[in-house]
Amino acid sequence: MPNATQEVVTSTFHNCQIVCLLIALVLACGNVRAADSLLLLSSDNPAYQSVASTIISQGPTIRMDTSYPEHLTENATAHLAAYQLLITVGSQATEFAMQFAQQNSTIVSTFIPSQRFQQLSQKYAAEMKQRKVSITAIYLDQPLQRQLRLASHIKPELKSLGFTLGPDSLYMLPQLKDAAASMGLSLNYQTLSLEDNPIQRIQPIMESSDLFLVIPDQSTFNKTTAKWLLYMSLRNRVPLLAFSQNYVKAGAIAACITTPEDIGRFTAEQLHLIAGGTLPPPSFSPYFKVITNPRIARQLNLSIQTAEQLQQQIMEAEAQ
C-alpha cells in the first residue's frame, strides 16, 4: 500500500505541473513580472500554444514569462524593458516585439512565414538598428530546395517547373532560379500585379509545365485562386505541389509541412545555442513531414511512393 500511495502522489503532482503550465500559457495576464525572457504568443490559438509548450518543456532552463500583445499594449515600452530575450510566436507577436523591444535586446521570432518575416524586418530595420536589437527567426514554411526535391521525386521526368509570384513573393525569384539550376530544371513563371486576373495569367503556365509549385502570396493568392488552380491541375493533368495539409486534402498531390510541435522543438534547440552565447541566423526547421494524396495521383496516372518513403529520401539528401 505505501508504494501505491507514493505512485498516486507522484502522478497527481505531475498532472498538477501540466495543468499549471497550460493555465500559464492560456491565461497569462498583463502584469508581467521580471524574468530572463518573455514568450509572447500572437493569440491563444492552439497551434501557438503547442509551439510554446514545446519550447518550455525542451528549451534551456531559464525563467520565462508568457503573455500576448493585447495584454501589453498599454505602456508596451515599459513592459518589454524588463526583458533582454523576447521569443515571439507568430507574426503579430513578432511585429509587436520589433516595435517595442528595448536597447540591446534579442528577438527570436518563430512560427512565422519567411515572406512575412522579410516584410517586417524591412519595415522596422531602421528602428531595430537604432536600438541595437538582434533578431533571428525559425520559419513556418519550407525551404525551396526541399520542395524541389519533393517535386523531382513526385515526377522523376520533371523538366519544367511552373509557378507564379506576386508582389509579396517576388523576392524569392533569385532563390528559385538557383535551386532550379542546381537540379537542372527550367522555370516557367509569371509575375502578377494587383491589377492582374491571376486565373488568366496562370492558365498558359499550367498548360506548359510538368508540375506546378503553389507559392502563397497574400497580395494575389486567395481561396478563389486556390480552387481554380486545383481545377486547372486536373484538367491539364499537371500535379500541384502545395504548402499545406488542407490543400493536399483538397486536391494537390503532395506537400512538405512542419507541425507546431516540430517548430517548437527546433526553436528550443536554437534557444540552447543562444543561451550558450551564439545567435544562429534565420532558418527553416529541419523537422518536417511529407503528405500525399494517392487518389489524385491515380487520377493523374502517376505512380508515387508513400509519404514516408518520400520523406526519408529528402532527409537523406539533406543530410549529405
C-alpha atoms as a PDB file:
ATOM      1  CA  MET A   1       0.000   0.000   0.000  1.00  0.00           C
ATOM      2  CA  PRO A   2       2.743   2.629   0.788  1.00  0.00           C
ATOM      3  CA  ASN A   3       4.201   2.137  -2.708  1.00  0.00           C
ATOM      4  CA  ALA A   4       0.774   2.514  -4.313  1.00  0.00           C
ATOM      5  CA  THR A   5       0.163   5.680  -2.285  1.00  0.00           C
ATOM      6  CA  GLN A   6       3.508   7.129  -3.376  1.00  0.00           C
ATOM      7  CA  GLU A   7       2.672   6.419  -7.029  1.00  0.00           C
ATOM      8  CA  VAL A   8      -0.660   8.240  -6.672  1.00  0.00           C
ATOM      9  CA  VAL A   9       1.041  11.264  -5.053  1.00  0.00           C
ATOM     10  CA  THR A  10       3.734  11.375  -7.761  1.00  0.00           C
ATOM     11  CA  SER A  11       1.170  11.070 -10.551  1.00  0.00           C
ATOM     12  CA  THR A  12      -1.013  13.782  -9.021  1.00  0.00           C
ATOM     13  CA  PHE A  13       1.958  16.139  -8.667  1.00  0.00           C
ATOM     14  CA  HIS A  14       2.969  15.527 -12.304  1.00  0.00           C
ATOM     15  CA  ASN A  15      -0.585  16.207 -13.524  1.00  0.00           C
ATOM     16  CA  CYS A  16      -0.706  19.416 -11.490  1.00  0.00           C
ATOM     17  CA  GLN A  17       2.506  20.580 -13.144  1.00  0.00           C
ATOM     18  CA  ILE A  18       0.975  20.042 -16.602  1.00  0.00           C
ATOM     19  CA  VAL A  19      -2.230  21.853 -15.662  1.00  0.00           C
ATOM     20  CA  CYS A  20      -0.296  24.799 -14.223  1.00  0.00           C
ATOM     21  CA  LEU A  21       1.760  25.066 -17.400  1.00  0.00           C
ATOM     22  CA  LEU A  22      -1.334  25.135 -19.599  1.00  0.00           C
ATOM     23  CA  ILE A  23      -3.015  27.711 -17.362  1.00  0.00           C
ATOM     24  CA  ALA A  24       0.080  29.892 -17.514  1.00  0.00           C
ATOM     25  CA  LEU A  25       0.033  29.769 -21.301  1.00  0.00           C
ATOM     26  CA  VAL A  26      -3.666  30.324 -21.850  1.00  0.00           C
ATOM     27  CA  LEU A  27      -4.400  32.811 -19.028  1.00  0.00           C
ATOM     28  CA  ALA A  28      -1.189  34.848 -18.963  1.00  0.00           C
ATOM     29  CA  CYS A  29      -2.037  38.248 -17.513  1.00  0.00           C
ATOM     30  CA  GLY A  30      -0.824  41.703 -18.431  1.00  0.00           C
ATOM     31  CA  ASN A  31       1.087  42.276 -15.178  1.00  0.00           C
ATOM     32  CA  VAL A  32       4.264  40.561 -16.318  1.00  0.00           C
ATOM     33  CA  ARG A  33       6.893  40.160 -13.634  1.00  0.00           C
ATOM     34  CA  ALA A  34      10.622  40.453 -14.289  1.00  0.00           C
ATOM     35  CA  ALA A  35      12.226  37.339 -15.730  1.00  0.00           C
ATOM     36  CA  ASP A  36      15.049  36.321 -18.045  1.00  0.00           C
ATOM     37  CA  SER A  37      12.792  36.134 -21.099  1.00  0.00           C
ATOM     38  CA  LEU A  38       9.297  36.736 -22.397  1.00  0.00           C
ATOM     39  CA  LEU A  39       7.414  34.195 -24.502  1.00  0.00           C
ATOM     40  CA  LEU A  40       4.964  36.298 -26.497  1.00  0.00           C
ATOM     41  CA  LEU A  41       2.130  34.495 -28.318  1.00  0.00           C
ATOM     42  CA  SER A  42       0.221  36.235 -31.115  1.00  0.00           C
ATOM     43  CA  SER A  43      -3.046  34.810 -29.733  1.00  0.00           C
ATOM     44  CA  ASP A  44      -4.404  31.880 -27.747  1.00  0.00           C
ATOM     45  CA  ASN A  45      -4.661  29.801 -30.929  1.00  0.00           C
ATOM     46  CA  PRO A  46      -3.986  26.117 -30.075  1.00  0.00           C
ATOM     47  CA  ALA A  47      -1.160  25.970 -32.644  1.00  0.00           C
ATOM     48  CA  TYR A  48       0.659  28.840 -30.913  1.00  0.00           C
ATOM     49  CA  GLN A  49       0.115  27.203 -27.537  1.00  0.00           C
ATOM     50  CA  SER A  50       1.543  23.940 -28.866  1.00  0.00           C
ATOM     51  CA  VAL A  51       4.685  25.740 -30.061  1.00  0.00           C
ATOM     52  CA  ALA A  52       5.000  27.490 -26.712  1.00  0.00           C
ATOM     53  CA  SER A  53       4.546  24.394 -24.549  1.00  0.00           C
ATOM     54  CA  THR A  54       7.201  22.543 -26.571  1.00  0.00           C
ATOM     55  CA  ILE A  55       9.613  25.462 -26.159  1.00  0.00           C
ATOM     56  CA  ILE A  56       9.050  25.482 -22.398  1.00  0.00           C
ATOM     57  CA  SER A  57       9.456  21.732 -21.990  1.00  0.00           C
ATOM     58  CA  GLN A  58      12.509  21.333 -24.258  1.00  0.00           C
ATOM     59  CA  GLY A  59      14.236  24.718 -24.083  1.00  0.00           C
ATOM     60  CA  PRO A  60      17.012  25.876 -21.751  1.00  0.00           C
ATOM     61  CA  THR A  61      16.338  26.260 -18.039  1.00  0.00           C
ATOM     62  CA  ILE A  62      15.668  29.975 -17.867  1.00  0.00           C
ATOM     63  CA  ARG A  63      12.897  31.924 -16.221  1.00  0.00           C
ATOM     64  CA  MET A  64      10.261  32.657 -18.827  1.00  0.00           C
ATOM     65  CA  ASP A  65       7.100  34.740 -18.617  1.00  0.00           C
ATOM     66  CA  THR A  66       4.260  34.315 -21.110  1.00  0.00           C
ATOM     67  CA  SER A  67       1.828  36.870 -22.453  1.00  0.00           C
ATOM     68  CA  TYR A  68       0.020  38.225 -25.525  1.00  0.00           C
ATOM     69  CA  PRO A  69       0.475  41.583 -27.309  1.00  0.00           C
ATOM     70  CA  GLU A  70      -3.096  42.605 -26.474  1.00  0.00           C
ATOM     71  CA  HIS A  71      -2.242  42.392 -22.766  1.00  0.00           C
ATOM     72  CA  LEU A  72       0.766  44.679 -23.142  1.00  0.00           C
ATOM     73  CA  THR A  73      -0.495  47.407 -25.441  1.00  0.00           C
ATOM     74  CA  GLU A  74      -0.733  49.979 -22.647  1.00  0.00           C
ATOM     75  CA  ASN A  75       2.791  51.212 -21.942  1.00  0.00           C
ATOM     76  CA  ALA A  76       4.337  48.465 -24.109  1.00  0.00           C
ATOM     77  CA  THR A  77       7.800  50.017 -23.920  1.00  0.00           C
ATOM     78  CA  ALA A  78       7.833  49.745 -20.131  1.00  0.00           C
ATOM     79  CA  HIS A  79       6.527  46.183 -20.205  1.00  0.00           C
ATOM     80  CA  LEU A  80       9.264  44.966 -22.564  1.00  0.00           C
ATOM     81  CA  ALA A  81      12.036  46.893 -20.796  1.00  0.00           C
ATOM     82  CA  ALA A  82      12.288  44.066 -18.260  1.00  0.00           C
ATOM     83  CA  TYR A  83      13.358  41.507 -20.880  1.00  0.00           C
ATOM     84  CA  GLN A  84      16.560  41.004 -22.823  1.00  0.00           C
ATOM     85  CA  LEU A  85      15.194  37.972 -24.704  1.00  0.00           C
ATOM     86  CA  LEU A  86      11.839  38.054 -26.490  1.00  0.00           C
ATOM     87  CA  ILE A  87      10.566  34.798 -28.017  1.00  0.00           C
ATOM     88  CA  THR A  88       7.687  35.610 -30.335  1.00  0.00           C
ATOM     89  CA  VAL A  89       5.254  33.029 -31.708  1.00  0.00           C
ATOM     90  CA  GLY A  90       3.551  34.194 -34.906  1.00  0.00           C
ATOM     91  CA  SER A  91       3.535  37.361 -36.987  1.00  0.00           C
ATOM     92  CA  GLN A  92       1.548  39.629 -34.659  1.00  0.00           C
ATOM     93  CA  ALA A  93       3.825  38.945 -31.703  1.00  0.00           C
ATOM     94  CA  THR A  94       6.894  39.441 -33.884  1.00  0.00           C
ATOM     95  CA  GLU A  95       5.736  42.840 -35.145  1.00  0.00           C
ATOM     96  CA  PHE A  96       4.898  43.912 -31.590  1.00  0.00           C
ATOM     97  CA  ALA A  97       8.389  42.970 -30.411  1.00  0.00           C
ATOM     98  CA  MET A  98      10.060  44.716 -33.357  1.00  0.00           C
ATOM     99  CA  GLN A  99       8.176  47.895 -32.457  1.00  0.00           C
ATOM    100  CA  PHE A 100       8.829  47.917 -28.711  1.00  0.00           C
ATOM    101  CA  ALA A 101      11.904  45.767 -27.944  1.00  0.00           C
ATOM    102  CA  GLN A 102      14.367  47.703 -25.841  1.00  0.00           C
ATOM    103  CA  GLN A 103      18.022  48.590 -26.254  1.00  0.00           C
ATOM    104  CA  ASN A 104      20.377  45.635 -26.883  1.00  0.00           C
ATOM    105  CA  SER A 105      17.624  43.020 -26.595  1.00  0.00           C
ATOM    106  CA  THR A 106      17.263  39.893 -28.738  1.00  0.00           C
ATOM    107  CA  ILE A 107      14.174  38.714 -30.605  1.00  0.00           C
ATOM    108  CA  VAL A 108      13.677  35.071 -31.563  1.00  0.00           C
ATOM    109  CA  SER A 109      10.754  35.036 -33.992  1.00  0.00           C
ATOM    110  CA  THR A 110       9.240  31.607 -34.535  1.00  0.00           C
ATOM    111  CA  PHE A 111       6.272  30.037 -36.345  1.00  0.00           C
ATOM    112  CA  ILE A 112       6.312  32.848 -38.888  1.00  0.00           C
ATOM    113  CA  PRO A 113       6.201  32.581 -42.713  1.00  0.00           C
ATOM    114  CA  SER A 114       9.503  33.635 -44.271  1.00  0.00           C
ATOM    115  CA  GLN A 115       7.704  36.156 -46.510  1.00  0.00           C
ATOM    116  CA  ARG A 116       6.148  37.884 -43.528  1.00  0.00           C
ATOM    117  CA  PHE A 117       9.416  37.937 -41.596  1.00  0.00           C
ATOM    118  CA  GLN A 118      11.185  39.575 -44.542  1.00  0.00           C
ATOM    119  CA  GLN A 119       8.457  42.211 -44.803  1.00  0.00           C
ATOM    120  CA  LEU A 120       8.531  43.055 -41.106  1.00  0.00           C
ATOM    121  CA  SER A 121      12.342  43.076 -40.981  1.00  0.00           C
ATOM    122  CA  GLN A 122      12.448  45.638 -43.771  1.00  0.00           C
ATOM    123  CA  LYS A 123       9.671  47.721 -42.215  1.00  0.00           C
ATOM    124  CA  TYR A 124      11.381  48.014 -38.808  1.00  0.00           C
ATOM    125  CA  ALA A 125      15.027  47.737 -39.890  1.00  0.00           C
ATOM    126  CA  ALA A 126      15.949  51.334 -39.047  1.00  0.00           C
ATOM    127  CA  GLU A 127      14.265  51.272 -35.642  1.00  0.00           C
ATOM    128  CA  MET A 128      15.872  47.965 -34.625  1.00  0.00           C
ATOM    129  CA  LYS A 129      19.280  49.125 -35.807  1.00  0.00           C
ATOM    130  CA  GLN A 130      18.979  52.292 -33.756  1.00  0.00           C
ATOM    131  CA  ARG A 131      18.086  50.300 -30.638  1.00  0.00           C
ATOM    132  CA  LYS A 132      20.726  47.639 -31.427  1.00  0.00           C
ATOM    133  CA  VAL A 133      18.116  44.865 -31.374  1.00  0.00           C
ATOM    134  CA  SER A 134      19.401  41.464 -32.538  1.00  0.00           C
ATOM    135  CA  ILE A 135      16.950  39.168 -34.276  1.00  0.00           C
ATOM    136  CA  THR A 136      16.689  35.678 -35.695  1.00  0.00           C
ATOM    137  CA  ALA A 137      13.813  33.524 -36.886  1.00  0.00           C
ATOM    138  CA  ILE A 138      12.532  29.985 -37.313  1.00  0.00           C
ATOM    139  CA  TYR A 139      10.312  29.919 -40.393  1.00  0.00           C
ATOM    140  CA  LEU A 140       6.996  28.130 -40.644  1.00  0.00           C
ATOM    141  CA  ASP A 141       7.246  27.342 -44.364  1.00  0.00           C
ATOM    142  CA  GLN A 142       9.631  25.053 -46.265  1.00  0.00           C
ATOM    143  CA  PRO A 143      12.962  25.782 -47.995  1.00  0.00           C
ATOM    144  CA  LEU A 144      12.727  25.822 -51.781  1.00  0.00           C
ATOM    145  CA  GLN A 145      15.383  23.141 -52.191  1.00  0.00           C
ATOM    146  CA  ARG A 146      13.282  20.749 -50.101  1.00  0.00           C
ATOM    147  CA  GLN A 147      10.175  21.461 -52.149  1.00  0.00           C
ATOM    148  CA  LEU A 148      12.007  20.941 -55.434  1.00  0.00           C
ATOM    149  CA  ARG A 149      13.420  17.652 -54.194  1.00  0.00           C
ATOM    150  CA  LEU A 150       9.898  16.515 -53.410  1.00  0.00           C
ATOM    151  CA  ALA A 151       8.788  17.655 -56.875  1.00  0.00           C
ATOM    152  CA  SER A 152      11.523  15.614 -58.535  1.00  0.00           C
ATOM    153  CA  HIS A 153      10.522  12.505 -56.573  1.00  0.00           C
ATOM    154  CA  ILE A 154       6.843  13.014 -57.370  1.00  0.00           C
ATOM    155  CA  LYS A 155       7.650  13.312 -61.076  1.00  0.00           C
ATOM    156  CA  PRO A 156      11.131  11.923 -61.871  1.00  0.00           C
ATOM    157  CA  GLU A 157      10.931  13.100 -65.513  1.00  0.00           C
ATOM    158  CA  LEU A 158      10.325  16.676 -64.315  1.00  0.00           C
ATOM    159  CA  LYS A 159      11.903  19.270 -66.607  1.00  0.00           C
ATOM    160  CA  SER A 160       9.690  22.377 -66.463  1.00  0.00           C
ATOM    161  CA  LEU A 161       8.503  23.808 -63.151  1.00  0.00           C
ATOM    162  CA  GLY A 162       5.585  26.247 -63.246  1.00  0.00           C
ATOM    163  CA  PHE A 163       4.673  28.870 -60.644  1.00  0.00           C
ATOM    164  CA  THR A 164       3.555  32.468 -60.187  1.00  0.00           C
ATOM    165  CA  LEU A 165       4.918  35.210 -57.966  1.00  0.00           C
ATOM    166  CA  GLY A 166       3.091  38.251 -56.612  1.00  0.00           C
ATOM    167  CA  PRO A 167       4.418  41.484 -55.102  1.00  0.00           C
ATOM    168  CA  ASP A 168       4.960  39.833 -51.703  1.00  0.00           C
ATOM    169  CA  SER A 169       6.843  36.806 -53.086  1.00  0.00           C
ATOM    170  CA  LEU A 170       8.823  38.316 -55.960  1.00  0.00           C
ATOM    171  CA  TYR A 171      11.947  38.453 -53.790  1.00  0.00           C
ATOM    172  CA  MET A 172      12.040  34.638 -53.976  1.00  0.00           C
ATOM    173  CA  LEU A 173      12.820  34.558 -57.711  1.00  0.00           C
ATOM    174  CA  PRO A 174      16.649  34.536 -57.378  1.00  0.00           C
ATOM    175  CA  GLN A 175      16.382  31.699 -54.838  1.00  0.00           C
ATOM    176  CA  LEU A 176      14.095  29.753 -57.171  1.00  0.00           C
ATOM    177  CA  LYS A 177      16.491  30.226 -60.075  1.00  0.00           C
ATOM    178  CA  ASP A 178      19.442  28.997 -58.012  1.00  0.00           C
ATOM    179  CA  ALA A 179      17.559  25.971 -56.650  1.00  0.00           C
ATOM    180  CA  ALA A 180      16.235  25.042 -60.095  1.00  0.00           C
ATOM    181  CA  ALA A 181      19.650  25.428 -61.725  1.00  0.00           C
ATOM    182  CA  SER A 182      21.207  23.066 -59.184  1.00  0.00           C
ATOM    183  CA  MET A 183      18.662  20.408 -60.205  1.00  0.00           C
ATOM    184  CA  GLY A 184      18.691  21.046 -63.944  1.00  0.00           C
ATOM    185  CA  LEU A 185      15.120  22.372 -64.050  1.00  0.00           C
ATOM    186  CA  SER A 186      13.750  25.106 -66.282  1.00  0.00           C
ATOM    187  CA  LEU A 187      11.366  27.660 -64.793  1.00  0.00           C
ATOM    188  CA  ASN A 188       8.063  28.589 -66.364  1.00  0.00           C
ATOM    189  CA  TYR A 189       6.552  31.514 -64.446  1.00  0.00           C
ATOM    190  CA  GLN A 190       4.615  34.758 -64.425  1.00  0.00           C
ATOM    191  CA  THR A 191       4.852  37.710 -62.072  1.00  0.00           C
ATOM    192  CA  LEU A 192       1.435  39.018 -61.043  1.00  0.00           C
ATOM    193  CA  SER A 193       0.406  42.518 -60.074  1.00  0.00           C
ATOM    194  CA  LEU A 194      -2.603  43.528 -58.006  1.00  0.00           C
ATOM    195  CA  GLU A 195      -4.441  44.515 -61.190  1.00  0.00           C
ATOM    196  CA  ASP A 196      -3.959  41.160 -62.949  1.00  0.00           C
ATOM    197  CA  ASN A 197      -6.552  38.439 -63.296  1.00  0.00           C
ATOM    198  CA  PRO A 198      -4.488  35.587 -61.805  1.00  0.00           C
ATOM    199  CA  ILE A 199      -6.536  32.845 -63.461  1.00  0.00           C
ATOM    200  CA  GLN A 200      -5.898  34.200 -66.954  1.00  0.00           C
ATOM    201  CA  ARG A 201      -2.179  34.546 -66.244  1.00  0.00           C
ATOM    202  CA  ILE A 202      -1.844  31.108 -64.658  1.00  0.00           C
ATOM    203  CA  GLN A 203      -3.619  29.104 -67.385  1.00  0.00           C
ATOM    204  CA  PRO A 204      -0.794  29.219 -70.007  1.00  0.00           C
ATOM    205  CA  ILE A 205       1.771  28.441 -67.321  1.00  0.00           C
ATOM    206  CA  MET A 206      -0.192  25.399 -66.196  1.00  0.00           C
ATOM    207  CA  GLU A 207      -0.581  24.135 -69.777  1.00  0.00           C
ATOM    208  CA  SER A 208       3.161  24.224 -70.483  1.00  0.00           C
ATOM    209  CA  SER A 209       4.579  22.896 -67.182  1.00  0.00           C
ATOM    210  CA  ASP A 210       5.340  19.385 -65.932  1.00  0.00           C
ATOM    211  CA  LEU A 211       4.446  20.322 -62.349  1.00  0.00           C
ATOM    212  CA  PHE A 212       3.066  23.477 -60.728  1.00  0.00           C
ATOM    213  CA  LEU A 213       4.527  24.754 -57.447  1.00  0.00           C
ATOM    214  CA  VAL A 214       1.996  26.738 -55.411  1.00  0.00           C
ATOM    215  CA  ILE A 215       3.716  29.709 -53.793  1.00  0.00           C
ATOM    216  CA  PRO A 216       1.438  31.598 -51.386  1.00  0.00           C
ATOM    217  CA  ASP A 217       1.341  35.356 -51.764  1.00  0.00           C
ATOM    218  CA  GLN A 218      -1.023  37.407 -49.623  1.00  0.00           C
ATOM    219  CA  SER A 219      -1.375  40.092 -52.289  1.00  0.00           C
ATOM    220  CA  THR A 220      -2.510  37.818 -55.148  1.00  0.00           C
ATOM    221  CA  PHE A 221      -3.361  34.385 -53.705  1.00  0.00           C
ATOM    222  CA  ASN A 222      -6.821  33.734 -52.272  1.00  0.00           C
ATOM    223  CA  LYS A 223      -9.405  30.949 -51.920  1.00  0.00           C
ATOM    224  CA  THR A 224     -10.796  31.547 -55.388  1.00  0.00           C
ATOM    225  CA  THR A 225      -7.352  31.298 -56.954  1.00  0.00           C
ATOM    226  CA  ALA A 226      -6.674  28.125 -54.980  1.00  0.00           C
ATOM    227  CA  LYS A 227      -9.865  26.473 -56.247  1.00  0.00           C
ATOM    228  CA  TRP A 228      -9.095  27.383 -59.853  1.00  0.00           C
ATOM    229  CA  LEU A 229      -5.580  26.006 -59.523  1.00  0.00           C
ATOM    230  CA  LEU A 230      -6.987  22.667 -58.376  1.00  0.00           C
ATOM    231  CA  TYR A 231      -9.435  22.638 -61.277  1.00  0.00           C
ATOM    232  CA  MET A 232      -6.755  23.501 -63.864  1.00  0.00           C
ATOM    233  CA  SER A 233      -4.416  20.898 -62.381  1.00  0.00           C
ATOM    234  CA  LEU A 234      -6.887  18.085 -63.047  1.00  0.00           C
ATOM    235  CA  ARG A 235      -7.984  19.431 -66.428  1.00  0.00           C
ATOM    236  CA  ASN A 236      -4.396  19.758 -67.693  1.00  0.00           C
ATOM    237  CA  ARG A 237      -3.152  16.674 -65.807  1.00  0.00           C
ATOM    238  CA  VAL A 238      -0.406  18.729 -64.161  1.00  0.00           C
ATOM    239  CA  PRO A 239       0.222  17.867 -60.491  1.00  0.00           C
ATOM    240  CA  LEU A 240       0.156  20.635 -57.893  1.00  0.00           C
ATOM    241  CA  LEU A 241       2.778  20.762 -55.155  1.00  0.00           C
ATOM    242  CA  ALA A 242       1.155  22.643 -52.266  1.00  0.00           C
ATOM    243  CA  PHE A 243       2.137  24.174 -48.941  1.00  0.00           C
ATOM    244  CA  SER A 244      -0.496  22.888 -46.501  1.00  0.00           C
ATOM    245  CA  GLN A 245      -2.265  19.724 -45.431  1.00  0.00           C
ATOM    246  CA  ASN A 246      -5.677  21.194 -46.276  1.00  0.00           C
ATOM    247  CA  TYR A 247      -4.568  21.971 -49.811  1.00  0.00           C
ATOM    248  CA  VAL A 248      -3.406  18.383 -50.297  1.00  0.00           C
ATOM    249  CA  LYS A 249      -6.725  17.095 -48.967  1.00  0.00           C
ATOM    250  CA  ALA A 250      -8.494  19.383 -51.444  1.00  0.00           C
ATOM    251  CA  GLY A 251      -6.629  18.002 -54.456  1.00  0.00           C
ATOM    252  CA  ALA A 252      -2.940  18.883 -54.563  1.00  0.00           C
ATOM    253  CA  ILE A 253      -0.723  15.845 -54.972  1.00  0.00           C
ATOM    254  CA  ALA A 254       1.709  16.477 -52.099  1.00  0.00           C
ATOM    255  CA  ALA A 255       3.306  18.946 -49.708  1.00  0.00           C
ATOM    256  CA  CYS A 256       6.030  19.226 -47.114  1.00  0.00           C
ATOM    257  CA  ILE A 257       4.739  20.601 -43.817  1.00  0.00           C
ATOM    258  CA  THR A 258       6.191  21.350 -40.397  1.00  0.00           C
ATOM    259  CA  THR A 259       3.945  20.873 -37.368  1.00  0.00           C
ATOM    260  CA  PRO A 260       3.735  23.290 -34.418  1.00  0.00           C
ATOM    261  CA  GLU A 261       5.491  20.678 -32.278  1.00  0.00           C
ATOM    262  CA  ASP A 262       8.323  20.468 -34.827  1.00  0.00           C
ATOM    263  CA  ILE A 263       8.679  24.251 -34.822  1.00  0.00           C
ATOM    264  CA  GLY A 264       8.705  24.299 -31.027  1.00  0.00           C
ATOM    265  CA  ARG A 265      11.350  21.570 -30.923  1.00  0.00           C
ATOM    266  CA  PHE A 266      13.678  23.398 -33.302  1.00  0.00           C
ATOM    267  CA  THR A 267      13.089  26.715 -31.539  1.00  0.00           C
ATOM    268  CA  ALA A 268      14.078  25.077 -28.248  1.00  0.00           C
ATOM    269  CA  GLU A 269      17.294  23.822 -29.859  1.00  0.00           C
ATOM    270  CA  GLN A 270      18.081  27.316 -31.157  1.00  0.00           C
ATOM    271  CA  LEU A 271      17.441  28.758 -27.695  1.00  0.00           C
ATOM    272  CA  HIS A 272      20.030  26.410 -26.244  1.00  0.00           C
ATOM    273  CA  LEU A 273      22.553  27.901 -28.696  1.00  0.00           C
ATOM    274  CA  ILE A 274      21.523  31.420 -27.744  1.00  0.00           C
ATOM    275  CA  ALA A 275      21.832  30.599 -24.046  1.00  0.00           C
ATOM    276  CA  GLY A 276      25.376  29.455 -24.849  1.00  0.00           C
ATOM    277  CA  GLY A 277      26.234  32.788 -26.457  1.00  0.00           C
ATOM    278  CA  THR A 278      25.583  32.056 -30.161  1.00  0.00           C
ATOM    279  CA  LEU A 279      22.841  33.755 -32.171  1.00  0.00           C
ATOM    280  CA  PRO A 280      22.030  31.493 -35.148  1.00  0.00           C
ATOM    281  CA  PRO A 281      20.826  33.052 -38.415  1.00  0.00           C
ATOM    282  CA  PRO A 282      17.169  32.858 -39.515  1.00  0.00           C
ATOM    283  CA  SER A 283      16.453  29.358 -40.783  1.00  0.00           C
ATOM    284  CA  PHE A 284      13.894  26.760 -41.766  1.00  0.00           C
ATOM    285  CA  SER A 285      13.154  23.860 -39.460  1.00  0.00           C
ATOM    286  CA  PRO A 286      14.966  20.620 -40.320  1.00  0.00           C
ATOM    287  CA  TYR A 287      11.948  18.751 -38.954  1.00  0.00           C
ATOM    288  CA  PHE A 288       9.128  18.160 -41.415  1.00  0.00           C
ATOM    289  CA  LYS A 289       6.869  15.524 -42.873  1.00  0.00           C
ATOM    290  CA  VAL A 290       5.581  14.757 -46.353  1.00  0.00           C
ATOM    291  CA  ILE A 291       1.880  14.314 -47.002  1.00  0.00           C
ATOM    292  CA  THR A 292       0.441  12.974 -50.252  1.00  0.00           C
ATOM    293  CA  ASN A 293      -2.896  12.444 -51.961  1.00  0.00           C
ATOM    294  CA  PRO A 294      -2.789   8.970 -53.576  1.00  0.00           C
ATOM    295  CA  ARG A 295      -6.282   9.445 -55.014  1.00  0.00           C
ATOM    296  CA  ILE A 296      -5.147  12.451 -57.043  1.00  0.00           C
ATOM    297  CA  ALA A 297      -2.004  10.586 -58.099  1.00  0.00           C
ATOM    298  CA  ARG A 298      -4.183   7.835 -59.547  1.00  0.00           C
ATOM    299  CA  GLN A 299      -6.359  10.372 -61.356  1.00  0.00           C
ATOM    300  CA  LEU A 300      -3.229  11.868 -62.922  1.00  0.00           C
ATOM    301  CA  ASN A 301      -1.857   8.398 -63.771  1.00  0.00           C
ATOM    302  CA  LEU A 302       1.175   8.983 -61.560  1.00  0.00           C
ATOM    303  CA  SER A 303       2.802   6.207 -59.588  1.00  0.00           C
ATOM    304  CA  ILE A 304       4.269   7.829 -56.474  1.00  0.00           C
ATOM    305  CA  GLN A 305       5.995   6.425 -53.418  1.00  0.00           C
ATOM    306  CA  THR A 306       4.484   6.534 -49.963  1.00  0.00           C
ATOM    307  CA  ALA A 307       4.750   9.743 -47.947  1.00  0.00           C
ATOM    308  CA  GLU A 308       7.151   8.013 -45.557  1.00  0.00           C
ATOM    309  CA  GLN A 309       9.445   6.920 -48.392  1.00  0.00           C
ATOM    310  CA  LEU A 310       9.458  10.391 -49.932  1.00  0.00           C
ATOM    311  CA  GLN A 311      10.236  11.974 -46.583  1.00  0.00           C
ATOM    312  CA  GLN A 312      13.103   9.564 -45.953  1.00  0.00           C
ATOM    313  CA  GLN A 313      14.666  10.279 -49.351  1.00  0.00           C
ATOM    314  CA  ILE A 314      14.542  14.033 -48.780  1.00  0.00           C
ATOM    315  CA  MET A 315      16.018  13.684 -45.291  1.00  0.00           C
ATOM    316  CA  GLU A 316      18.877  11.564 -46.643  1.00  0.00           C
ATOM    317  CA  ALA A 317      19.581  14.149 -49.350  1.00  0.00           C
ATOM    318  CA  GLU A 318      19.613  16.988 -46.815  1.00  0.00           C
ATOM    319  CA  ALA A 319      21.970  15.041 -44.550  1.00  0.00           C
ATOM    320  CA  GLN A 320      24.619  14.715 -47.260  1.00  0.00           C
END
